[in-house]
Amino acid sequence: MKKLGITLLGGVVVLAGLAALVWHLNVRDEPDVSAPMTAASAGAPAAATVARGEYLARAGDCMACHTARGGAAFAGGLGLPTPFGTVYTSNLTPDNETGIGSWSSAYFWRALHNGRAKDGRLLYPAFPYTNYTQVTREDSDAIYAWLRTLAPVHQANRPHALRWPYSTQAALAVWRALFFKPGAYVSDPTRTAEWNRGAYLVQGLGHCSACHATRNALGATSSSLDLAGGLIPLQNWYAPSLESPLEAGVADWDIPHIVELFKTGATRHGWVTGPMAEAVLRGTQYLSQEDLVAMAQYLKNLPAGHADVLPAARAHTPINPAVALLGARLYKDNCAQCHGDAGQGVPHAYPTLAGNRAVTMDSPANLVQMVLYGGFPPATGGNPRPFGMPPYVLVLSDADIAAVLTHIRTSWGNQAEQVTEVEVNRLRSNATP
């Protein structure tokens, strides 16, 4: 009994020590929010600060998540599906009861920098404070100042619908202890000011790694520097690697074409679709030329990722002649009118399929999504009436889609792996268009 008691006591001590460590890791580097919001801080800020805050909110694409379809802007309520349940976004309007009207700038800064709400609750990383922690206090205060100029919307925040134990603050505290550390962007003295500005925007406000990084089983990325690509959970859109020349790396692009893609959503290299189209629509098209060039410089100079094997050097599964014949016929009947008999496309209208790395990269997820549900590039100032892709979800079967995509991925010099009916069925069954 004495040994059992000692063992139990030791277990209690270990658990207490672990709990203390988790608590410590969750409160490190937190600002002092005890000071009440003064009349001066609640008053009207300088017009330049407000304008800068609006610009920075665009850079962070805040509206995309904090506005429900058909709802008031920034009033929250949008459901974000995750593998652990649904997280609902919060009301960012200055309503005193349901929004951030009673928040001080220090509370707002703590939310961005530390991922903690005004009432002390830990926030779920669907709100990408793992990236926003790098945002400066000055930029945070500017965004806060602009949000307080919005019309208040009285709309209560909807409770999250997460499975146990992910719904508990204890589980979230452990996750944060393992995967989150508040920090700040540190300039690289060996790089130019322009490169550092681009790094700050991509890693922080732009939160590019929220999509373009691989996540582990608990939904964590390795860091805001990870841009090696990954499948966006539950959406079944693949965010391609920004490091690989075989996916979305831009090391061999010139700066004007990178800027053009961010500004208009389309270049001679192709056009953006899916979640990236929304990022351009609501965010990057409004950024200044200087910031877009800075981001382009940073992305152009990313270190190469893992060694890629050229498609021509890969061993491919032999294609069934019947599948090849079906794919060629379906392409002629449904695709050639826009994309051309040889996949050559139409400039400024329909993208080229021959030699298009969006067609030949390993993951066919985005191709399946586009054939199933269609889509448009974003409507931007430089491309206000973009041509689009019609949906074939009710027209083509899984076998049809697999066949036509296999034809596209293996014709006109393209040398990618064939698409199987099983892959299409899995993506169709799980997709959120």
Protein backbone atom coordinates (compact mmCIF):
# COMPACT_ATOMS: atom_id res chain seq x y z
CA MET A 1 0.00 0.00 0.00
CA LYS A 2 2.89 2.32 0.79
CA LYS A 3 4.38 1.74 -2.68
CA LEU A 4 0.99 2.36 -4.27
CA GLY A 5 0.63 5.59 -2.36
CA ILE A 6 4.08 6.73 -3.45
CA THR A 7 3.27 5.81 -7.06
CA LEU A 8 0.00 7.72 -6.93
CA LEU A 9 1.68 10.71 -5.34
CA GLY A 10 4.36 10.64 -8.01
CA GLY A 11 1.69 10.50 -10.70
CA VAL A 12 -0.10 13.46 -9.16
CA VAL A 13 3.14 15.44 -9.04
CA VAL A 14 3.91 14.64 -12.69
CA LEU A 15 0.40 15.61 -13.79
CA ALA A 16 0.59 18.82 -11.77
CA GLY A 17 3.93 19.61 -13.36
CA LEU A 18 2.58 18.98 -16.86
CA ALA A 19 -0.48 21.12 -16.13
CA ALA A 20 1.77 23.92 -14.87
CA LEU A 21 3.91 23.66 -18.00
CA VAL A 22 0.85 23.78 -20.28
CA TRP A 23 -0.46 26.80 -18.35
CA HIS A 24 2.90 28.56 -18.63
CA LEU A 25 3.15 27.92 -22.35
CA ASN A 26 -0.35 29.32 -22.85
CA VAL A 27 0.24 32.63 -21.04
CA ARG A 28 3.75 33.48 -22.21
CA ASP A 29 4.29 36.84 -23.88
CA GLU A 30 0.76 38.07 -23.13
CA PRO A 31 0.18 41.83 -23.03
CA ASP A 32 -1.24 43.63 -20.03
CA VAL A 33 -4.94 44.13 -20.74
CA SER A 34 -5.89 45.28 -17.25
CA ALA A 35 -5.98 48.99 -18.13
CA PRO A 36 -9.55 50.12 -18.89
CA MET A 37 -10.35 51.55 -22.30
CA THR A 38 -10.06 55.31 -21.92
CA ALA A 39 -12.22 57.87 -23.65
CA ALA A 40 -9.25 58.84 -25.76
CA SER A 41 -8.60 55.29 -26.93
CA ALA A 42 -12.30 54.86 -27.66
CA GLY A 43 -12.47 58.11 -29.60
CA ALA A 44 -11.94 58.78 -33.27
CA PRO A 45 -8.43 57.84 -34.45
CA ALA A 46 -6.54 59.70 -37.15
CA ALA A 47 -7.93 59.29 -40.66
CA ALA A 48 -4.59 57.95 -41.89
CA THR A 49 -4.62 55.24 -39.22
CA VAL A 50 -8.14 54.18 -40.17
CA ALA A 51 -7.27 54.07 -43.87
CA ARG A 52 -4.18 52.00 -43.09
CA GLY A 53 -6.24 49.64 -40.97
CA GLU A 54 -8.69 49.08 -43.80
CA TYR A 55 -5.79 48.33 -46.13
CA LEU A 56 -4.27 45.86 -43.67
CA ALA A 57 -7.62 44.14 -43.15
CA ARG A 58 -7.69 43.62 -46.93
CA ALA A 59 -4.19 42.19 -46.77
CA GLY A 60 -5.36 39.76 -44.10
CA ASP A 61 -8.54 38.92 -46.07
CA CYS A 62 -10.53 39.30 -42.84
CA MET A 63 -13.85 39.70 -44.62
CA ALA A 64 -13.67 36.27 -46.25
CA CYS A 65 -14.08 34.44 -42.95
CA HIS A 66 -15.92 36.99 -40.83
CA THR A 67 -18.82 37.48 -43.24
CA ALA A 68 -21.45 34.78 -43.66
CA ARG A 69 -23.07 34.35 -47.05
CA GLY A 70 -25.97 36.80 -47.18
CA GLY A 71 -25.00 38.28 -43.81
CA ALA A 72 -23.73 41.66 -42.72
CA ALA A 73 -20.09 42.37 -43.44
CA PHE A 74 -17.75 41.40 -40.59
CA ALA A 75 -20.63 40.25 -38.38
CA GLY A 76 -19.32 36.68 -38.31
CA GLY A 77 -21.41 33.53 -38.27
CA LEU A 78 -19.62 31.76 -41.12
CA GLY A 79 -19.12 28.06 -40.44
CA LEU A 80 -15.60 26.81 -41.13
CA PRO A 81 -15.60 23.01 -41.43
CA THR A 82 -12.59 21.24 -39.91
CA PRO A 83 -11.80 17.56 -39.35
CA PHE A 84 -12.80 18.12 -35.71
CA GLY A 85 -16.16 19.83 -36.26
CA THR A 86 -17.32 23.29 -37.33
CA VAL A 87 -15.87 26.54 -36.03
CA TYR A 88 -18.07 29.63 -36.41
CA THR A 89 -16.44 32.99 -36.94
CA SER A 90 -16.99 35.88 -34.55
CA ASN A 91 -18.57 39.30 -34.88
CA LEU A 92 -15.91 41.95 -35.54
CA THR A 93 -18.27 44.93 -35.72
CA PRO A 94 -18.14 47.43 -32.81
CA ASP A 95 -21.35 46.22 -31.20
CA ASN A 96 -20.91 46.47 -27.43
CA GLU A 97 -22.70 43.23 -26.59
CA THR A 98 -21.95 40.83 -29.45
CA GLY A 99 -18.98 42.39 -31.24
CA ILE A 100 -15.75 44.10 -30.22
CA GLY A 101 -17.33 47.37 -29.09
CA SER A 102 -16.21 46.80 -25.50
CA TRP A 103 -12.75 45.60 -26.48
CA SER A 104 -9.69 47.77 -26.00
CA SER A 105 -6.88 47.78 -28.52
CA ALA A 106 -4.91 45.64 -26.05
CA TYR A 107 -7.59 42.93 -26.11
CA PHE A 108 -7.60 43.00 -29.89
CA TRP A 109 -3.80 42.78 -29.98
CA ARG A 110 -3.91 39.82 -27.59
CA ALA A 111 -6.35 38.02 -29.89
CA LEU A 112 -4.01 38.40 -32.87
CA HIS A 113 -0.75 37.89 -31.01
CA ASN A 114 -1.77 35.27 -28.44
CA GLY A 115 -5.01 33.76 -29.72
CA ARG A 116 -7.09 34.69 -26.69
CA ALA A 117 -10.51 36.36 -26.56
CA LYS A 118 -11.45 39.24 -24.29
CA ASP A 119 -13.04 36.91 -21.75
CA GLY A 120 -9.84 34.84 -21.59
CA ARG A 121 -11.01 31.93 -23.73
CA LEU A 122 -8.41 30.34 -25.96
CA LEU A 123 -9.27 30.79 -29.63
CA TYR A 124 -9.26 27.96 -32.14
CA PRO A 125 -6.53 28.20 -34.79
CA ALA A 126 -9.12 28.26 -37.57
CA PHE A 127 -8.55 31.94 -36.74
CA PRO A 128 -4.94 31.97 -37.96
CA TYR A 129 -3.30 33.60 -34.98
CA THR A 130 -0.45 31.15 -35.57
CA ASN A 131 0.37 33.52 -38.45
CA TYR A 132 -1.09 36.75 -37.08
CA THR A 133 1.19 36.53 -34.05
CA GLN A 134 3.85 38.05 -36.33
CA VAL A 135 1.74 41.17 -36.96
CA THR A 136 3.16 44.26 -35.27
CA ARG A 137 1.29 46.05 -32.51
CA GLU A 138 1.14 49.15 -34.70
CA ASP A 139 -0.59 47.24 -37.50
CA SER A 140 -2.93 45.54 -35.02
CA ASP A 141 -3.95 48.91 -33.58
CA ALA A 142 -4.63 50.25 -37.08
CA ILE A 143 -6.91 47.32 -37.95
CA TYR A 144 -8.69 47.75 -34.62
CA ALA A 145 -9.17 51.46 -35.31
CA TRP A 146 -10.74 50.74 -38.69
CA LEU A 147 -13.03 48.00 -37.37
CA ARG A 148 -14.39 50.43 -34.82
CA THR A 149 -15.56 52.70 -37.64
CA LEU A 150 -17.86 50.00 -39.03
CA ALA A 151 -21.59 50.08 -38.36
CA PRO A 152 -22.34 47.97 -35.26
CA VAL A 153 -24.28 44.79 -35.98
CA HIS A 154 -26.06 43.13 -33.08
CA GLN A 155 -25.54 39.47 -33.92
CA ALA A 156 -24.67 36.96 -31.25
CA ASN A 157 -21.74 34.68 -31.91
CA ARG A 158 -22.77 31.14 -32.73
CA PRO A 159 -21.29 28.38 -30.53
CA HIS A 160 -18.81 26.07 -32.22
CA ALA A 161 -19.94 22.55 -33.08
CA LEU A 162 -16.83 20.55 -32.26
CA ARG A 163 -16.55 16.94 -31.14
CA TRP A 164 -15.28 16.06 -27.69
CA PRO A 165 -12.49 16.44 -26.59
CA TYR A 166 -11.67 19.05 -29.23
CA SER A 167 -14.50 21.18 -27.85
CA THR A 168 -12.72 21.60 -24.51
CA GLN A 169 -10.38 24.41 -23.52
CA ALA A 170 -8.09 21.85 -21.89
CA ALA A 171 -7.53 20.03 -25.19
CA LEU A 172 -6.97 23.33 -26.97
CA ALA A 173 -4.45 24.38 -24.30
CA VAL A 174 -2.48 21.18 -24.85
CA TRP A 175 -2.57 21.73 -28.64
CA ARG A 176 -1.25 25.25 -28.22
CA ALA A 177 1.47 24.09 -25.84
CA LEU A 178 2.62 21.64 -28.51
CA PHE A 179 2.22 23.71 -31.66
CA PHE A 180 1.91 27.44 -30.94
CA LYS A 181 4.44 29.97 -29.78
CA PRO A 182 3.68 33.70 -29.90
CA GLY A 183 6.32 35.65 -31.72
CA ALA A 184 7.11 38.57 -33.95
CA TYR A 185 8.54 38.89 -37.42
CA VAL A 186 12.30 39.37 -37.23
CA SER A 187 13.88 41.05 -40.23
CA ASP A 188 16.67 39.22 -41.99
CA PRO A 189 19.60 41.67 -42.11
CA THR A 190 21.09 39.83 -45.09
CA ARG A 191 18.00 40.61 -47.17
CA THR A 192 16.63 43.82 -48.66
CA ALA A 193 13.88 45.87 -47.03
CA GLU A 194 11.63 44.89 -49.93
CA TRP A 195 12.20 41.16 -49.35
CA ASN A 196 11.55 41.55 -45.62
CA ARG A 197 8.30 43.40 -46.29
CA GLY A 198 7.22 40.55 -48.56
CA ALA A 199 8.17 37.97 -45.95
CA TYR A 200 6.19 39.86 -43.29
CA LEU A 201 3.08 39.95 -45.47
CA VAL A 202 3.29 36.32 -46.66
CA GLN A 203 4.10 34.83 -43.27
CA GLY A 204 1.90 37.11 -41.17
CA LEU A 205 -1.17 38.96 -42.42
CA GLY A 206 -1.32 37.00 -45.67
CA HIS A 207 -1.26 33.74 -43.65
CA CYS A 208 -0.34 31.84 -46.83
CA SER A 209 0.80 28.79 -44.88
CA ALA A 210 -2.75 28.35 -43.55
CA CYS A 211 -3.50 26.74 -46.93
CA HIS A 212 -0.13 26.08 -48.58
CA ALA A 213 1.34 23.92 -45.79
CA THR A 214 0.94 20.27 -44.92
CA ARG A 215 -0.95 19.64 -41.68
CA ASN A 216 -0.42 16.81 -39.23
CA ALA A 217 -3.15 14.62 -37.72
CA LEU A 218 -3.97 17.34 -35.18
CA GLY A 219 -4.28 20.06 -37.79
CA ALA A 220 -0.99 21.81 -37.08
CA THR A 221 1.53 23.07 -39.61
CA SER A 222 5.25 22.98 -39.01
CA SER A 223 5.58 26.79 -39.21
CA SER A 224 4.51 29.89 -41.13
CA LEU A 225 7.54 29.22 -43.33
CA ASP A 226 6.11 25.93 -44.57
CA LEU A 227 4.78 26.52 -48.08
CA ALA A 228 5.33 23.01 -49.42
CA GLY A 229 1.68 22.46 -50.34
CA GLY A 230 -1.15 20.39 -48.92
CA LEU A 231 -4.77 19.32 -49.30
CA ILE A 232 -7.08 21.80 -47.57
CA PRO A 233 -9.04 19.72 -45.01
CA LEU A 234 -12.63 18.89 -46.02
CA GLN A 235 -12.56 21.27 -48.98
CA ASN A 236 -10.57 18.87 -51.15
CA TRP A 237 -8.79 21.70 -52.88
CA TYR A 238 -5.06 21.16 -53.08
CA ALA A 239 -3.00 24.26 -52.25
CA PRO A 240 0.07 23.64 -54.40
CA SER A 241 3.61 23.98 -53.19
CA LEU A 242 4.96 27.51 -53.55
CA GLU A 243 8.46 26.05 -53.43
CA SER A 244 8.26 23.47 -56.22
CA PRO A 245 8.76 24.38 -59.89
CA LEU A 246 6.42 21.50 -60.73
CA GLU A 247 3.53 23.00 -58.76
CA ALA A 248 3.22 26.71 -57.96
CA GLY A 249 6.79 27.83 -57.44
CA VAL A 250 7.56 31.12 -59.20
CA ALA A 251 11.36 31.12 -59.10
CA ASP A 252 11.46 31.19 -62.91
CA TRP A 253 8.72 33.83 -63.31
CA ASP A 254 9.50 37.48 -63.76
CA ILE A 255 8.24 39.90 -61.12
CA PRO A 256 5.58 41.61 -63.32
CA HIS A 257 3.82 38.29 -64.00
CA ILE A 258 3.74 37.37 -60.31
CA VAL A 259 2.29 40.79 -59.51
CA GLU A 260 -0.21 40.43 -62.36
CA LEU A 261 -1.45 37.13 -60.91
CA PHE A 262 -2.04 38.73 -57.50
CA LYS A 263 -3.62 41.83 -59.04
CA THR A 264 -5.88 40.29 -61.69
CA GLY A 265 -6.01 36.57 -60.95
CA ALA A 266 -4.75 35.68 -64.43
CA THR A 267 -1.52 35.73 -66.43
CA ARG A 268 -0.20 34.02 -69.53
CA HIS A 269 0.92 31.24 -67.18
CA GLY A 270 -2.68 30.51 -66.11
CA TRP A 271 -5.30 31.74 -63.65
CA VAL A 272 -6.26 31.17 -60.05
CA THR A 273 -9.27 29.10 -59.00
CA GLY A 274 -10.88 27.76 -55.86
CA PRO A 275 -9.90 29.32 -52.52
CA MET A 276 -7.08 31.30 -54.13
CA ALA A 277 -9.59 33.04 -56.40
CA GLU A 278 -11.35 34.31 -53.28
CA ALA A 279 -8.03 35.47 -51.79
CA VAL A 280 -7.39 37.55 -54.91
CA LEU A 281 -10.99 38.76 -55.12
CA ARG A 282 -11.18 40.08 -51.56
CA GLY A 283 -7.54 40.68 -50.77
CA THR A 284 -4.52 40.84 -53.02
CA GLN A 285 -6.08 42.82 -55.89
CA TYR A 286 -6.37 45.78 -53.49
CA LEU A 287 -2.75 45.76 -52.34
CA SER A 288 -0.31 48.42 -53.45
CA GLN A 289 2.14 47.84 -56.24
CA GLU A 290 4.98 48.12 -53.74
CA ASP A 291 3.57 45.41 -51.46
CA LEU A 292 2.78 43.09 -54.36
CA VAL A 293 6.33 43.46 -55.68
CA ALA A 294 7.65 42.76 -52.19
CA MET A 295 5.57 39.57 -51.91
CA ALA A 296 6.69 38.55 -55.39
CA GLN A 297 10.33 39.04 -54.43
CA TYR A 298 9.91 36.89 -51.33
CA LEU A 299 8.08 34.09 -53.15
CA LYS A 300 10.48 34.17 -56.08
CA ASN A 301 13.40 33.63 -53.71
CA LEU A 302 11.94 30.81 -51.62
CA PRO A 303 14.39 27.95 -51.16
CA ALA A 304 13.55 24.94 -53.31
CA GLY A 305 11.68 22.20 -51.50
CA HIS A 306 12.26 18.48 -51.79
CA ALA A 307 13.89 17.21 -54.98
CA ASP A 308 11.17 16.85 -57.57
CA VAL A 309 11.16 14.06 -60.10
CA LEU A 310 10.30 15.34 -63.55
CA PRO A 311 7.10 13.78 -64.93
CA ALA A 312 8.98 12.40 -67.92
CA ALA A 313 11.25 10.39 -65.59
CA ARG A 314 8.42 8.78 -63.62
CA ALA A 315 7.06 5.32 -64.18
CA HIS A 316 3.38 5.55 -65.13
CA THR A 317 0.62 2.99 -64.89
CA PRO A 318 -0.34 1.77 -68.38
CA ILE A 319 -3.64 3.25 -69.54
CA ASN A 320 -6.45 0.93 -70.56
CA PRO A 321 -7.10 1.52 -74.30
CA ALA A 322 -10.86 1.74 -73.66
CA VAL A 323 -10.28 4.47 -71.08
CA ALA A 324 -8.00 6.34 -73.48
CA LEU A 325 -10.60 6.17 -76.24
CA LEU A 326 -13.39 7.33 -73.91
CA GLY A 327 -11.28 10.21 -72.61
CA ALA A 328 -10.41 11.44 -76.11
CA ARG A 329 -14.08 11.35 -77.16
CA LEU A 330 -15.26 13.17 -74.04
CA TYR A 331 -12.59 15.83 -74.47
CA LYS A 332 -13.64 16.44 -78.07
CA ASP A 333 -17.33 16.66 -77.11
CA ASN A 334 -17.00 18.77 -73.95
CA CYS A 335 -13.64 20.54 -73.79
CA ALA A 336 -12.08 21.18 -77.19
CA GLN A 337 -14.43 24.04 -78.08
CA CYS A 338 -12.80 26.20 -75.38
CA HIS A 339 -9.43 24.63 -74.69
CA GLY A 340 -8.59 23.69 -78.29
CA ASP A 341 -8.05 20.39 -80.06
CA ALA A 342 -4.45 20.29 -78.87
CA GLY A 343 -5.02 21.85 -75.43
CA GLN A 344 -3.68 25.19 -76.65
CA GLY A 345 -6.39 27.28 -74.96
CA VAL A 346 -7.41 30.82 -75.89
CA PRO A 347 -5.34 33.78 -74.64
CA HIS A 348 -7.09 35.86 -71.94
CA ALA A 349 -10.05 33.47 -71.95
CA TYR A 350 -9.40 29.76 -71.50
CA PRO A 351 -6.16 28.40 -70.06
CA THR A 352 -3.74 26.27 -72.00
CA LEU A 353 -3.81 22.63 -70.90
CA ALA A 354 -0.72 21.50 -72.79
CA GLY A 355 2.33 21.93 -70.57
CA ASN A 356 0.23 23.39 -67.74
CA ARG A 357 1.69 22.33 -64.41
CA ALA A 358 -1.71 22.74 -62.76
CA VAL A 359 -2.70 19.83 -65.01
CA THR A 360 0.39 17.68 -64.47
CA MET A 361 1.16 18.04 -60.76
CA ASP A 362 0.75 14.90 -58.69
CA SER A 363 -2.55 15.75 -57.02
CA PRO A 364 -5.54 15.75 -59.41
CA ALA A 365 -7.84 17.21 -56.73
CA ASN A 366 -8.18 20.67 -58.27
CA LEU A 367 -8.87 19.26 -61.73
CA VAL A 368 -11.63 17.06 -60.33
CA GLN A 369 -13.12 20.01 -58.45
CA MET A 370 -13.14 22.19 -61.56
CA VAL A 371 -14.77 19.52 -63.74
CA LEU A 372 -17.36 18.72 -61.08
CA TYR A 373 -18.32 22.21 -59.99
CA GLY A 374 -16.82 24.58 -62.55
CA GLY A 375 -15.75 28.01 -61.49
CA PHE A 376 -14.49 31.43 -62.46
CA PRO A 377 -11.30 33.34 -61.86
CA PRO A 378 -11.93 36.35 -59.60
CA ALA A 379 -13.55 39.44 -61.09
CA THR A 380 -10.86 42.10 -60.69
CA GLY A 381 -10.08 45.55 -62.01
CA GLY A 382 -7.70 44.03 -64.53
CA ASN A 383 -10.04 41.19 -65.48
CA PRO A 384 -13.57 42.39 -64.67
CA ARG A 385 -15.50 39.82 -66.71
CA PRO A 386 -13.54 36.58 -66.53
CA PHE A 387 -14.44 33.58 -68.63
CA GLY A 388 -15.42 30.53 -66.60
CA MET A 389 -15.74 26.78 -66.53
CA PRO A 390 -19.21 25.17 -66.51
CA PRO A 391 -19.98 22.41 -63.97
CA TYR A 392 -20.25 18.81 -65.13
CA VAL A 393 -21.32 17.28 -61.82
CA LEU A 394 -24.68 16.21 -63.28
CA VAL A 395 -23.33 15.46 -66.75
CA LEU A 396 -20.30 13.22 -66.34
CA SER A 397 -19.94 10.10 -64.23
CA ASP A 398 -16.91 9.35 -62.07
CA ALA A 399 -15.62 7.05 -64.81
CA ASP A 400 -16.13 9.78 -67.42
CA ILE A 401 -14.27 12.39 -65.37
CA ALA A 402 -11.42 10.00 -64.68
CA ALA A 403 -11.14 9.20 -68.38
CA VAL A 404 -11.18 12.78 -69.66
CA LEU A 405 -8.71 13.96 -67.03
CA THR A 406 -6.44 11.04 -67.83
CA HIS A 407 -6.59 12.10 -71.48
CA ILE A 408 -5.68 15.69 -70.57
CA ARG A 409 -2.84 14.64 -68.26
CA THR A 410 -1.26 12.34 -70.86
CA SER A 411 -1.72 14.27 -74.12
CA TRP A 412 0.17 17.05 -75.99
CA GLY A 413 3.40 16.33 -74.17
CA ASN A 414 1.82 16.12 -70.70
CA GLN A 415 3.23 13.17 -68.79
CA ALA A 416 1.32 12.78 -65.53
CA GLU A 417 -0.21 9.80 -63.79
CA GLN A 418 -3.72 8.79 -64.86
CA VAL A 419 -6.73 9.65 -62.71
CA THR A 420 -8.77 6.73 -61.39
CA GLU A 421 -12.50 6.43 -60.90
CA VAL A 422 -11.86 5.74 -57.21
CA GLU A 423 -10.05 9.08 -56.80
CA VAL A 424 -12.87 10.96 -58.47
CA ASN A 425 -15.50 9.20 -56.33
CA ARG A 426 -13.61 10.00 -53.12
CA LEU A 427 -13.22 13.65 -54.05
CA ARG A 428 -16.85 13.94 -55.20
CA SER A 429 -18.14 12.34 -52.01
CA ASN A 430 -16.12 14.54 -49.66
CA ALA A 431 -15.97 17.80 -51.56
CA THR A 432 -17.37 21.12 -50.41
CA PRO A 433 -17.84 23.10 -53.62
